[in-house]
Amino acid sequence: MRIVTLEEHISLPEMTARLPKGAMSFQKPELADITGDRLKAMDEQGVTLQVLSVDSLGAQLLGPDQSPAFAKEYNDLVAEKIAGHGDRFAAFAHLPMTAPAATAGELERVVKKYGFKGAMIRGMTGDKFLDHPDYEPLLAKAEELQVPVYIHPGIPHPDVAKIYYGGLPDNPGIDQALACYGWGWHAETAVQVLRLYVAGIFDRHPGLKVIIGHMGEMLPMMLERSNRAFANDRAPQRQRSLKQTFREQLYITTSGFFTFPPLQLTLDTMGVDNILFSIDYPFSDLKTGVDFLNNLPLPDDQKRKIAHANADKLLHLEK
């Protein structure tokens, strides 16, 4: 069975060496490798194609005077490294989010020049969510190009981290775990998507497609309650219910989640056509992810949709 994965990370040392010292990152040697051990592991586990994305905040750590050139160089380097491997690798654009006026142009450039499949952003940029008016041109361009925006969790704002996740007993790393991959940044990503709905972004851009990972960043569990809550306060900028909007414009990947109950909930609330397979390599193991997919207690047609067909359609992948 063809297997396409969408949240698979890289971090190239020649680029990260130019970022501010002390920036939070999760460096692993595997992040720098693309066509070596990574490709070998893909072959061993039967992964057909990975859509690569820059793991670090990268350009989001740089000021508006530096981030556009940095993002452009990063994208060019990724394109160079996957050239000749189009049947095994694709990529999401790395964008200069601290220079909002440059984001739409860079997305268009790499989509048209290299065939990149969309963009991945990581959390908030400073104190701005994606619904901020500064990012309207980016969202409009993604809609125009018919490519999705993948919202990956990012490191919480320092003020949020201090108030919500600080002041804990001395236990090295526990505040980071709570603020990020143990809870906090998943909840923040859910807020990011809900803000897009509340602000009317989805209705203003009905062709915009948004992807989130980690089995929906807790949104499937809250979908019925949130749908009712917003239905009781329907603002003029929202023409559709939350549930209808999400089923038409939001896609969820399985990244890092390899047990069936969360998937069953996502199937029940979002439907199989909105679910995409991802592993979160190298932070999650390829074999664990593929075994989970192969052993799903689902009909073969549903497994094919999750494994590749939904991604092939959304990302316009050549098969």
C-alpha atoms as a PDB file:
ATOM      1  CA  MET A   1       0.000   0.000   0.000  1.00  0.00           C
ATOM      2  CA  ARG A   2       1.217   3.476  -0.873  1.00  0.00           C
ATOM      3  CA  ILE A   3       2.001   5.445   2.305  1.00  0.00           C
ATOM      4  CA  VAL A   4       2.355   9.251   2.370  1.00  0.00           C
ATOM      5  CA  THR A   5       3.357  11.061   5.563  1.00  0.00           C
ATOM      6  CA  LEU A   6       2.979  14.803   6.075  1.00  0.00           C
ATOM      7  CA  GLU A   7       4.651  15.860   9.322  1.00  0.00           C
ATOM      8  CA  GLU A   8       8.219  14.716   8.864  1.00  0.00           C
ATOM      9  CA  HIS A   9      10.932  17.078   9.983  1.00  0.00           C
ATOM     10  CA  ILE A  10      14.341  18.248   8.892  1.00  0.00           C
ATOM     11  CA  SER A  11      16.783  20.744  10.364  1.00  0.00           C
ATOM     12  CA  LEU A  12      19.850  21.596   8.317  1.00  0.00           C
ATOM     13  CA  PRO A  13      22.934  22.541  10.372  1.00  0.00           C
ATOM     14  CA  GLU A  14      24.207  25.073   7.861  1.00  0.00           C
ATOM     15  CA  MET A  15      21.032  27.078   8.483  1.00  0.00           C
ATOM     16  CA  THR A  16      20.458  26.543  12.204  1.00  0.00           C
ATOM     17  CA  ALA A  17      24.033  27.654  12.918  1.00  0.00           C
ATOM     18  CA  ARG A  18      22.924  31.150  11.916  1.00  0.00           C
ATOM     19  CA  LEU A  19      20.059  31.348  14.401  1.00  0.00           C
ATOM     20  CA  PRO A  20      20.282  33.094  17.783  1.00  0.00           C
ATOM     21  CA  LYS A  21      22.178  31.096  20.356  1.00  0.00           C
ATOM     22  CA  GLY A  22      20.088  29.488  23.047  1.00  0.00           C
ATOM     23  CA  ALA A  23      16.978  29.215  20.884  1.00  0.00           C
ATOM     24  CA  MET A  24      14.859  26.293  22.028  1.00  0.00           C
ATOM     25  CA  SER A  25      15.230  23.338  19.684  1.00  0.00           C
ATOM     26  CA  PHE A  26      15.045  19.574  19.743  1.00  0.00           C
ATOM     27  CA  GLN A  27      18.102  18.709  17.725  1.00  0.00           C
ATOM     28  CA  LYS A  28      18.487  15.104  16.701  1.00  0.00           C
ATOM     29  CA  PRO A  29      21.104  13.854  14.232  1.00  0.00           C
ATOM     30  CA  GLU A  30      18.381  12.357  12.047  1.00  0.00           C
ATOM     31  CA  LEU A  31      16.997  15.816  11.300  1.00  0.00           C
ATOM     32  CA  ALA A  32      20.005  16.675   9.127  1.00  0.00           C
ATOM     33  CA  ASP A  33      19.690  13.523   7.032  1.00  0.00           C
ATOM     34  CA  ILE A  34      17.370  13.211   4.049  1.00  0.00           C
ATOM     35  CA  THR A  35      18.545  10.716   1.468  1.00  0.00           C
ATOM     36  CA  GLY A  36      20.730   8.544   3.734  1.00  0.00           C
ATOM     37  CA  ASP A  37      19.431   6.664   6.756  1.00  0.00           C
ATOM     38  CA  ARG A  38      16.044   8.367   6.491  1.00  0.00           C
ATOM     39  CA  LEU A  39      15.449   6.994   3.008  1.00  0.00           C
ATOM     40  CA  LYS A  40      16.758   3.578   4.045  1.00  0.00           C
ATOM     41  CA  ALA A  41      14.305   3.496   6.968  1.00  0.00           C
ATOM     42  CA  MET A  42      11.474   4.540   4.652  1.00  0.00           C
ATOM     43  CA  ASP A  43      12.307   1.660   2.339  1.00  0.00           C
ATOM     44  CA  GLU A  44      12.436  -0.813   5.217  1.00  0.00           C
ATOM     45  CA  GLN A  45       9.035   0.261   6.580  1.00  0.00           C
ATOM     46  CA  GLY A  46       7.272   0.811   3.271  1.00  0.00           C
ATOM     47  CA  VAL A  47       6.860   4.608   3.472  1.00  0.00           C
ATOM     48  CA  THR A  48       6.449   5.821  -0.095  1.00  0.00           C
ATOM     49  CA  LEU A  49       6.789   9.577   0.317  1.00  0.00           C
ATOM     50  CA  GLN A  50       7.536  12.062   3.084  1.00  0.00           C
ATOM     51  CA  VAL A  51       6.492  15.700   2.918  1.00  0.00           C
ATOM     52  CA  LEU A  52       9.367  17.461   4.668  1.00  0.00           C
ATOM     53  CA  SER A  53       9.168  20.550   6.843  1.00  0.00           C
ATOM     54  CA  VAL A  54      11.724  22.615   8.716  1.00  0.00           C
ATOM     55  CA  ASP A  55      11.647  21.552  12.351  1.00  0.00           C
ATOM     56  CA  SER A  56      13.044  24.650  14.040  1.00  0.00           C
ATOM     57  CA  LEU A  57      11.312  28.019  14.259  1.00  0.00           C
ATOM     58  CA  GLY A  58      14.043  29.196  11.917  1.00  0.00           C
ATOM     59  CA  ALA A  59      13.028  32.420  10.239  1.00  0.00           C
ATOM     60  CA  GLN A  60      10.466  33.051  12.996  1.00  0.00           C
ATOM     61  CA  LEU A  61      13.407  33.704  15.332  1.00  0.00           C
ATOM     62  CA  LEU A  62      14.778  36.465  13.113  1.00  0.00           C
ATOM     63  CA  GLY A  63      13.686  40.049  12.662  1.00  0.00           C
ATOM     64  CA  PRO A  64      11.807  41.253   9.588  1.00  0.00           C
ATOM     65  CA  ASP A  65      15.003  42.548   8.032  1.00  0.00           C
ATOM     66  CA  GLN A  66      16.631  39.093   8.095  1.00  0.00           C
ATOM     67  CA  SER A  67      13.852  36.521   7.899  1.00  0.00           C
ATOM     68  CA  PRO A  68      12.904  36.826   4.193  1.00  0.00           C
ATOM     69  CA  ALA A  69      16.417  36.100   2.928  1.00  0.00           C
ATOM     70  CA  PHE A  70      16.864  33.313   5.497  1.00  0.00           C
ATOM     71  CA  ALA A  71      13.596  31.609   4.532  1.00  0.00           C
ATOM     72  CA  LYS A  72      14.390  31.906   0.829  1.00  0.00           C
ATOM     73  CA  GLU A  73      17.817  30.347   1.287  1.00  0.00           C
ATOM     74  CA  TYR A  74      16.391  27.564   3.442  1.00  0.00           C
ATOM     75  CA  ASN A  75      13.739  26.721   0.856  1.00  0.00           C
ATOM     76  CA  ASP A  76      16.291  26.757  -1.941  1.00  0.00           C
ATOM     77  CA  LEU A  77      18.516  24.394   0.029  1.00  0.00           C
ATOM     78  CA  VAL A  78      15.672  21.973   0.738  1.00  0.00           C
ATOM     79  CA  ALA A  79      14.705  21.984  -2.924  1.00  0.00           C
ATOM     80  CA  GLU A  80      18.312  21.267  -3.862  1.00  0.00           C
ATOM     81  CA  LYS A  81      18.590  18.348  -1.437  1.00  0.00           C
ATOM     82  CA  ILE A  82      15.414  16.602  -2.600  1.00  0.00           C
ATOM     83  CA  ALA A  83      16.000  17.219  -6.310  1.00  0.00           C
ATOM     84  CA  GLY A  84      15.976  13.905  -8.156  1.00  0.00           C
ATOM     85  CA  HIS A  85      13.896  12.259  -5.427  1.00  0.00           C
ATOM     86  CA  GLY A  86      10.480  13.602  -6.368  1.00  0.00           C
ATOM     87  CA  ASP A  87       8.896  10.191  -5.957  1.00  0.00           C
ATOM     88  CA  ARG A  88      10.094   9.979  -2.335  1.00  0.00           C
ATOM     89  CA  PHE A  89      10.130  13.542  -0.996  1.00  0.00           C
ATOM     90  CA  ALA A  90       8.079  16.707  -1.235  1.00  0.00           C
ATOM     91  CA  ALA A  91       8.213  19.795   0.977  1.00  0.00           C
ATOM     92  CA  PHE A  92       6.259  22.478   2.769  1.00  0.00           C
ATOM     93  CA  ALA A  93       7.564  26.036   2.506  1.00  0.00           C
ATOM     94  CA  HIS A  94       9.446  27.677   5.359  1.00  0.00           C
ATOM     95  CA  LEU A  95       8.097  31.225   5.614  1.00  0.00           C
ATOM     96  CA  PRO A  96       9.429  34.528   7.021  1.00  0.00           C
ATOM     97  CA  MET A  97       6.539  35.005   9.431  1.00  0.00           C
ATOM     98  CA  THR A  98       8.169  37.983  11.176  1.00  0.00           C
ATOM     99  CA  ALA A  99       7.969  39.796   7.836  1.00  0.00           C
ATOM    100  CA  PRO A 100       4.304  39.186   6.947  1.00  0.00           C
ATOM    101  CA  ALA A 101       4.444  41.196   3.731  1.00  0.00           C
ATOM    102  CA  ALA A 102       7.018  38.748   2.349  1.00  0.00           C
ATOM    103  CA  THR A 103       5.184  35.520   3.171  1.00  0.00           C
ATOM    104  CA  ALA A 104       2.752  35.383   0.238  1.00  0.00           C
ATOM    105  CA  GLY A 105       5.475  36.047  -2.293  1.00  0.00           C
ATOM    106  CA  GLU A 106       7.776  33.375  -0.881  1.00  0.00           C
ATOM    107  CA  LEU A 107       4.961  30.836  -0.816  1.00  0.00           C
ATOM    108  CA  GLU A 108       4.112  31.570  -4.430  1.00  0.00           C
ATOM    109  CA  ARG A 109       7.768  31.411  -5.460  1.00  0.00           C
ATOM    110  CA  VAL A 110       8.449  27.954  -4.041  1.00  0.00           C
ATOM    111  CA  VAL A 111       5.118  26.487  -5.123  1.00  0.00           C
ATOM    112  CA  LYS A 112       5.617  27.602  -8.702  1.00  0.00           C
ATOM    113  CA  LYS A 113       9.388  27.109  -8.923  1.00  0.00           C
ATOM    114  CA  TYR A 114       9.856  23.904  -6.932  1.00  0.00           C
ATOM    115  CA  GLY A 115       6.396  22.408  -6.624  1.00  0.00           C
ATOM    116  CA  PHE A 116       6.283  22.728  -2.836  1.00  0.00           C
ATOM    117  CA  LYS A 117       2.962  21.468  -1.502  1.00  0.00           C
ATOM    118  CA  GLY A 118       1.998  24.271   0.865  1.00  0.00           C
ATOM    119  CA  ALA A 119       3.486  25.892   3.939  1.00  0.00           C
ATOM    120  CA  MET A 120       4.110  24.946   7.534  1.00  0.00           C
ATOM    121  CA  ILE A 121       4.081  27.559  10.277  1.00  0.00           C
ATOM    122  CA  ARG A 122       4.947  26.941  13.900  1.00  0.00           C
ATOM    123  CA  GLY A 123       2.611  28.446  16.467  1.00  0.00           C
ATOM    124  CA  MET A 124       2.315  32.152  17.085  1.00  0.00           C
ATOM    125  CA  THR A 125       4.682  34.725  15.655  1.00  0.00           C
ATOM    126  CA  GLY A 126       5.526  37.021  18.554  1.00  0.00           C
ATOM    127  CA  ASP A 127       2.119  37.968  19.909  1.00  0.00           C
ATOM    128  CA  LYS A 128       0.232  37.412  16.646  1.00  0.00           C
ATOM    129  CA  PHE A 129      -1.995  34.523  15.728  1.00  0.00           C
ATOM    130  CA  LEU A 130      -2.589  33.614  12.095  1.00  0.00           C
ATOM    131  CA  ASP A 131      -5.904  35.486  12.017  1.00  0.00           C
ATOM    132  CA  HIS A 132      -4.048  38.810  12.444  1.00  0.00           C
ATOM    133  CA  PRO A 133      -4.724  41.125   9.467  1.00  0.00           C
ATOM    134  CA  ASP A 134      -1.012  41.092   8.615  1.00  0.00           C
ATOM    135  CA  TYR A 135      -1.395  37.494   7.423  1.00  0.00           C
ATOM    136  CA  GLU A 136      -4.432  38.054   5.237  1.00  0.00           C
ATOM    137  CA  PRO A 137      -2.288  38.151   2.048  1.00  0.00           C
ATOM    138  CA  LEU A 138      -0.674  34.834   2.962  1.00  0.00           C
ATOM    139  CA  LEU A 139      -4.011  33.096   3.513  1.00  0.00           C
ATOM    140  CA  ALA A 140      -5.394  34.579   0.308  1.00  0.00           C
ATOM    141  CA  LYS A 141      -2.353  33.386  -1.619  1.00  0.00           C
ATOM    142  CA  ALA A 142      -2.615  29.857  -0.202  1.00  0.00           C
ATOM    143  CA  GLU A 143      -6.247  29.781  -1.287  1.00  0.00           C
ATOM    144  CA  GLU A 144      -5.347  31.094  -4.741  1.00  0.00           C
ATOM    145  CA  LEU A 145      -2.570  28.534  -5.195  1.00  0.00           C
ATOM    146  CA  GLN A 146      -4.789  25.743  -3.816  1.00  0.00           C
ATOM    147  CA  VAL A 147      -2.184  24.652  -1.297  1.00  0.00           C
ATOM    148  CA  PRO A 148      -2.755  24.071   2.425  1.00  0.00           C
ATOM    149  CA  VAL A 149      -1.275  25.776   5.447  1.00  0.00           C
ATOM    150  CA  TYR A 150      -0.080  23.314   8.071  1.00  0.00           C
ATOM    151  CA  ILE A 151      -0.204  24.808  11.570  1.00  0.00           C
ATOM    152  CA  HIS A 152       2.339  23.011  13.724  1.00  0.00           C
ATOM    153  CA  PRO A 153       2.575  23.741  17.461  1.00  0.00           C
ATOM    154  CA  GLY A 154       5.089  26.353  18.500  1.00  0.00           C
ATOM    155  CA  ILE A 155       6.748  27.382  21.710  1.00  0.00           C
ATOM    156  CA  PRO A 156       4.273  29.347  23.883  1.00  0.00           C
ATOM    157  CA  HIS A 157       4.702  33.081  24.294  1.00  0.00           C
ATOM    158  CA  PRO A 158       7.060  33.803  27.215  1.00  0.00           C
ATOM    159  CA  ASP A 159       4.318  35.505  29.227  1.00  0.00           C
ATOM    160  CA  VAL A 160       2.004  32.527  28.753  1.00  0.00           C
ATOM    161  CA  ALA A 161       4.772  30.073  29.609  1.00  0.00           C
ATOM    162  CA  LYS A 162       5.608  31.953  32.804  1.00  0.00           C
ATOM    163  CA  ILE A 163       2.043  32.232  34.068  1.00  0.00           C
ATOM    164  CA  TYR A 164       0.662  28.867  32.965  1.00  0.00           C
ATOM    165  CA  TYR A 165       3.683  26.602  33.136  1.00  0.00           C
ATOM    166  CA  GLY A 166       6.165  28.259  35.481  1.00  0.00           C
ATOM    167  CA  GLY A 167       6.605  28.079  39.243  1.00  0.00           C
ATOM    168  CA  LEU A 168       6.750  24.299  39.342  1.00  0.00           C
ATOM    169  CA  PRO A 169       8.863  22.158  41.680  1.00  0.00           C
ATOM    170  CA  ASP A 170      12.486  21.813  40.655  1.00  0.00           C
ATOM    171  CA  ASN A 171      12.352  19.002  38.134  1.00  0.00           C
ATOM    172  CA  PRO A 172      14.529  19.612  35.082  1.00  0.00           C
ATOM    173  CA  GLY A 173      12.506  19.770  31.894  1.00  0.00           C
ATOM    174  CA  ILE A 174       9.064  19.350  33.420  1.00  0.00           C
ATOM    175  CA  ASP A 175       7.995  22.930  32.723  1.00  0.00           C
ATOM    176  CA  GLN A 176       9.061  22.529  29.090  1.00  0.00           C
ATOM    177  CA  ALA A 177       7.190  19.248  28.780  1.00  0.00           C
ATOM    178  CA  LEU A 178       4.017  20.791  30.221  1.00  0.00           C
ATOM    179  CA  ALA A 179       4.305  23.938  28.112  1.00  0.00           C
ATOM    180  CA  CYS A 180       5.065  22.139  24.871  1.00  0.00           C
ATOM    181  CA  TYR A 181       4.750  18.523  23.823  1.00  0.00           C
ATOM    182  CA  GLY A 182       3.008  17.301  27.001  1.00  0.00           C
ATOM    183  CA  TRP A 183       0.067  19.690  26.717  1.00  0.00           C
ATOM    184  CA  GLY A 184       0.511  23.416  26.171  1.00  0.00           C
ATOM    185  CA  TRP A 185       1.410  23.845  22.559  1.00  0.00           C
ATOM    186  CA  HIS A 186      -1.315  21.417  21.484  1.00  0.00           C
ATOM    187  CA  ALA A 187      -3.937  23.502  23.265  1.00  0.00           C
ATOM    188  CA  GLU A 188      -2.502  26.678  21.720  1.00  0.00           C
ATOM    189  CA  THR A 189      -2.755  25.180  18.235  1.00  0.00           C
ATOM    190  CA  ALA A 190      -6.411  24.408  18.888  1.00  0.00           C
ATOM    191  CA  VAL A 191      -6.917  28.036  19.909  1.00  0.00           C
ATOM    192  CA  GLN A 192      -5.159  29.140  16.722  1.00  0.00           C
ATOM    193  CA  VAL A 193      -7.633  27.182  14.578  1.00  0.00           C
ATOM    194  CA  LEU A 194     -10.667  28.273  16.608  1.00  0.00           C
ATOM    195  CA  ARG A 195      -9.594  31.884  16.176  1.00  0.00           C
ATOM    196  CA  LEU A 196      -9.545  31.408  12.407  1.00  0.00           C
ATOM    197  CA  TYR A 197     -13.144  30.279  12.655  1.00  0.00           C
ATOM    198  CA  VAL A 198     -14.320  32.953  15.088  1.00  0.00           C
ATOM    199  CA  ALA A 199     -12.632  35.695  13.054  1.00  0.00           C
ATOM    200  CA  GLY A 200     -14.446  34.572   9.917  1.00  0.00           C
ATOM    201  CA  ILE A 201     -11.259  33.615   8.060  1.00  0.00           C
ATOM    202  CA  PHE A 202     -12.663  30.315   6.803  1.00  0.00           C
ATOM    203  CA  ASP A 203     -15.796  31.956   5.405  1.00  0.00           C
ATOM    204  CA  ARG A 204     -13.768  34.747   3.840  1.00  0.00           C
ATOM    205  CA  HIS A 205     -11.518  32.152   2.215  1.00  0.00           C
ATOM    206  CA  PRO A 206     -13.743  29.137   1.522  1.00  0.00           C
ATOM    207  CA  GLY A 207     -11.034  27.538  -0.603  1.00  0.00           C
ATOM    208  CA  LEU A 208      -8.422  27.713   2.155  1.00  0.00           C
ATOM    209  CA  LYS A 209      -7.314  24.341   3.518  1.00  0.00           C
ATOM    210  CA  VAL A 210      -5.685  24.072   6.946  1.00  0.00           C
ATOM    211  CA  ILE A 211      -3.884  21.026   8.331  1.00  0.00           C
ATOM    212  CA  ILE A 212      -3.165  20.321  11.979  1.00  0.00           C
ATOM    213  CA  GLY A 213      -1.410  17.312  13.475  1.00  0.00           C
ATOM    214  CA  HIS A 214      -1.398  15.173  16.611  1.00  0.00           C
ATOM    215  CA  MET A 215      -4.835  13.714  15.951  1.00  0.00           C
ATOM    216  CA  GLY A 216      -6.478  17.130  15.896  1.00  0.00           C
ATOM    217  CA  GLU A 217      -4.747  18.912  18.788  1.00  0.00           C
ATOM    218  CA  MET A 218      -7.615  17.949  21.141  1.00  0.00           C
ATOM    219  CA  LEU A 219     -10.259  19.571  18.902  1.00  0.00           C
ATOM    220  CA  PRO A 220     -12.167  16.356  18.056  1.00  0.00           C
ATOM    221  CA  MET A 221     -12.915  15.793  21.743  1.00  0.00           C
ATOM    222  CA  MET A 222     -14.299  19.337  22.058  1.00  0.00           C
ATOM    223  CA  LEU A 223     -16.006  19.598  18.678  1.00  0.00           C
ATOM    224  CA  GLU A 224     -19.622  19.054  19.761  1.00  0.00           C
ATOM    225  CA  ARG A 225     -19.357  21.415  22.720  1.00  0.00           C
ATOM    226  CA  SER A 226     -17.548  24.122  20.749  1.00  0.00           C
ATOM    227  CA  ASN A 227     -20.011  23.757  17.893  1.00  0.00           C
ATOM    228  CA  ARG A 228     -22.912  24.395  20.259  1.00  0.00           C
ATOM    229  CA  ALA A 229     -21.130  27.276  21.968  1.00  0.00           C
ATOM    230  CA  PHE A 230     -20.467  29.179  18.774  1.00  0.00           C
ATOM    231  CA  ALA A 231     -23.911  28.395  17.373  1.00  0.00           C
ATOM    232  CA  ASN A 232     -25.400  30.350  20.278  1.00  0.00           C
ATOM    233  CA  ASP A 233     -23.370  33.405  19.357  1.00  0.00           C
ATOM    234  CA  ARG A 234     -23.368  33.450  15.558  1.00  0.00           C
ATOM    235  CA  ALA A 235     -21.616  36.589  14.393  1.00  0.00           C
ATOM    236  CA  PRO A 236     -22.176  38.074  10.921  1.00  0.00           C
ATOM    237  CA  GLN A 237     -18.700  37.009   9.764  1.00  0.00           C
ATOM    238  CA  ARG A 238     -19.513  33.311  10.305  1.00  0.00           C
ATOM    239  CA  GLN A 239     -21.963  31.837   7.809  1.00  0.00           C
ATOM    240  CA  ARG A 240     -21.424  28.162   8.669  1.00  0.00           C
ATOM    241  CA  SER A 241     -21.310  26.121  11.821  1.00  0.00           C
ATOM    242  CA  LEU A 242     -17.971  25.154  13.290  1.00  0.00           C
ATOM    243  CA  LYS A 243     -18.583  21.498  12.485  1.00  0.00           C
ATOM    244  CA  GLN A 244     -19.493  22.171   8.860  1.00  0.00           C
ATOM    245  CA  THR A 245     -16.555  24.521   8.415  1.00  0.00           C
ATOM    246  CA  PHE A 246     -14.056  22.056   9.841  1.00  0.00           C
ATOM    247  CA  ARG A 247     -15.358  19.204   7.703  1.00  0.00           C
ATOM    248  CA  GLU A 248     -14.957  21.356   4.599  1.00  0.00           C
ATOM    249  CA  GLN A 249     -11.633  23.061   5.342  1.00  0.00           C
ATOM    250  CA  LEU A 250      -9.728  21.379   8.187  1.00  0.00           C
ATOM    251  CA  TYR A 251      -7.551  18.276   7.845  1.00  0.00           C
ATOM    252  CA  ILE A 252      -6.052  16.278  10.693  1.00  0.00           C
ATOM    253  CA  THR A 253      -2.961  14.100  10.705  1.00  0.00           C
ATOM    254  CA  THR A 254      -2.115  11.225  12.994  1.00  0.00           C
ATOM    255  CA  SER A 255       1.395  12.474  13.803  1.00  0.00           C
ATOM    256  CA  GLY A 256       2.746  11.023  17.030  1.00  0.00           C
ATOM    257  CA  PHE A 257      -0.543   9.265  17.921  1.00  0.00           C
ATOM    258  CA  PHE A 258      -0.531   5.520  17.415  1.00  0.00           C
ATOM    259  CA  THR A 259      -3.454   4.168  19.434  1.00  0.00           C
ATOM    260  CA  PHE A 260      -6.913   3.577  18.043  1.00  0.00           C
ATOM    261  CA  PRO A 261      -9.267   5.410  20.462  1.00  0.00           C
ATOM    262  CA  PRO A 262      -8.151   8.947  19.433  1.00  0.00           C
ATOM    263  CA  LEU A 263      -8.460   7.963  15.769  1.00  0.00           C
ATOM    264  CA  GLN A 264     -11.928   6.543  16.328  1.00  0.00           C
ATOM    265  CA  LEU A 265     -13.002   9.824  17.907  1.00  0.00           C
ATOM    266  CA  THR A 266     -11.567  11.754  14.978  1.00  0.00           C
ATOM    267  CA  LEU A 267     -13.333   9.482  12.511  1.00  0.00           C
ATOM    268  CA  ASP A 268     -16.611   9.962  14.376  1.00  0.00           C
ATOM    269  CA  THR A 269     -16.359  13.751  14.497  1.00  0.00           C
ATOM    270  CA  MET A 270     -14.487  14.725  11.318  1.00  0.00           C
ATOM    271  CA  GLY A 271     -14.978  11.807   8.938  1.00  0.00           C
ATOM    272  CA  VAL A 272     -12.412   9.674   7.144  1.00  0.00           C
ATOM    273  CA  ASP A 273     -11.940  12.116   4.243  1.00  0.00           C
ATOM    274  CA  ASN A 274     -10.328  14.655   6.597  1.00  0.00           C
ATOM    275  CA  ILE A 275      -7.689  12.351   8.107  1.00  0.00           C
ATOM    276  CA  LEU A 276      -4.120  12.073   6.820  1.00  0.00           C
ATOM    277  CA  PHE A 277      -1.410   9.715   7.961  1.00  0.00           C
ATOM    278  CA  SER A 278       1.744  11.162   9.518  1.00  0.00           C
ATOM    279  CA  ILE A 279       4.463   9.808  11.772  1.00  0.00           C
ATOM    280  CA  ASP A 280       6.349  12.868  13.133  1.00  0.00           C
ATOM    281  CA  TYR A 281       9.761  11.487  12.181  1.00  0.00           C
ATOM    282  CA  PRO A 282      12.335  11.508  13.722  1.00  0.00           C
ATOM    283  CA  PHE A 283      10.516  12.257  16.976  1.00  0.00           C
ATOM    284  CA  SER A 284       8.363   9.187  16.431  1.00  0.00           C
ATOM    285  CA  ASP A 285       9.496   5.830  15.145  1.00  0.00           C
ATOM    286  CA  LEU A 286       8.700   4.842  11.565  1.00  0.00           C
ATOM    287  CA  LYS A 287       8.006   1.208  12.407  1.00  0.00           C
ATOM    288  CA  THR A 288       5.649   2.115  15.234  1.00  0.00           C
ATOM    289  CA  GLY A 289       3.699   4.419  12.946  1.00  0.00           C
ATOM    290  CA  VAL A 290       3.487   2.033  10.008  1.00  0.00           C
ATOM    291  CA  ASP A 291       2.516  -0.903  12.244  1.00  0.00           C
ATOM    292  CA  PHE A 292      -0.290   1.233  13.654  1.00  0.00           C
ATOM    293  CA  LEU A 293      -1.537   2.019  10.153  1.00  0.00           C
ATOM    294  CA  ASN A 294      -1.319  -1.543   8.882  1.00  0.00           C
ATOM    295  CA  ASN A 295      -3.160  -2.954  11.910  1.00  0.00           C
ATOM    296  CA  LEU A 296      -6.041  -0.482  11.958  1.00  0.00           C
ATOM    297  CA  PRO A 297      -9.377  -2.286  12.362  1.00  0.00           C
ATOM    298  CA  LEU A 298     -10.870  -0.405   9.427  1.00  0.00           C
ATOM    299  CA  PRO A 299     -12.110  -1.372   5.954  1.00  0.00           C
ATOM    300  CA  ASP A 300      -9.412  -1.335   3.284  1.00  0.00           C
ATOM    301  CA  ASP A 301     -10.943   1.638   1.479  1.00  0.00           C
ATOM    302  CA  GLN A 302     -10.750   3.745   4.654  1.00  0.00           C
ATOM    303  CA  LYS A 303      -7.164   2.657   5.313  1.00  0.00           C
ATOM    304  CA  ARG A 304      -6.203   3.660   1.758  1.00  0.00           C
ATOM    305  CA  LYS A 305      -7.747   7.102   2.247  1.00  0.00           C
ATOM    306  CA  ILE A 306      -5.807   7.662   5.450  1.00  0.00           C
ATOM    307  CA  ALA A 307      -2.589   6.150   4.103  1.00  0.00           C
ATOM    308  CA  HIS A 308      -2.377   8.148   0.886  1.00  0.00           C
ATOM    309  CA  ALA A 309      -5.540   8.933  -1.057  1.00  0.00           C
ATOM    310  CA  ASN A 310      -6.605  11.953   1.001  1.00  0.00           C
ATOM    311  CA  ALA A 311      -3.071  13.382   0.893  1.00  0.00           C
ATOM    312  CA  ASP A 312      -2.735  12.707  -2.818  1.00  0.00           C
ATOM    313  CA  LYS A 313      -5.898  14.711  -3.446  1.00  0.00           C
ATOM    314  CA  LEU A 314      -5.196  17.574  -1.027  1.00  0.00           C
ATOM    315  CA  LEU A 315      -1.561  18.066  -2.039  1.00  0.00           C
ATOM    316  CA  HIS A 316      -1.974  17.298  -5.744  1.00  0.00           C
ATOM    317  CA  LEU A 317       0.635  14.563  -5.540  1.00  0.00           C
ATOM    318  CA  GLU A 318       1.628  12.759  -8.684  1.00  0.00           C
ATOM    319  CA  LYS A 319       1.306   9.003  -8.330  1.00  0.00           C
END
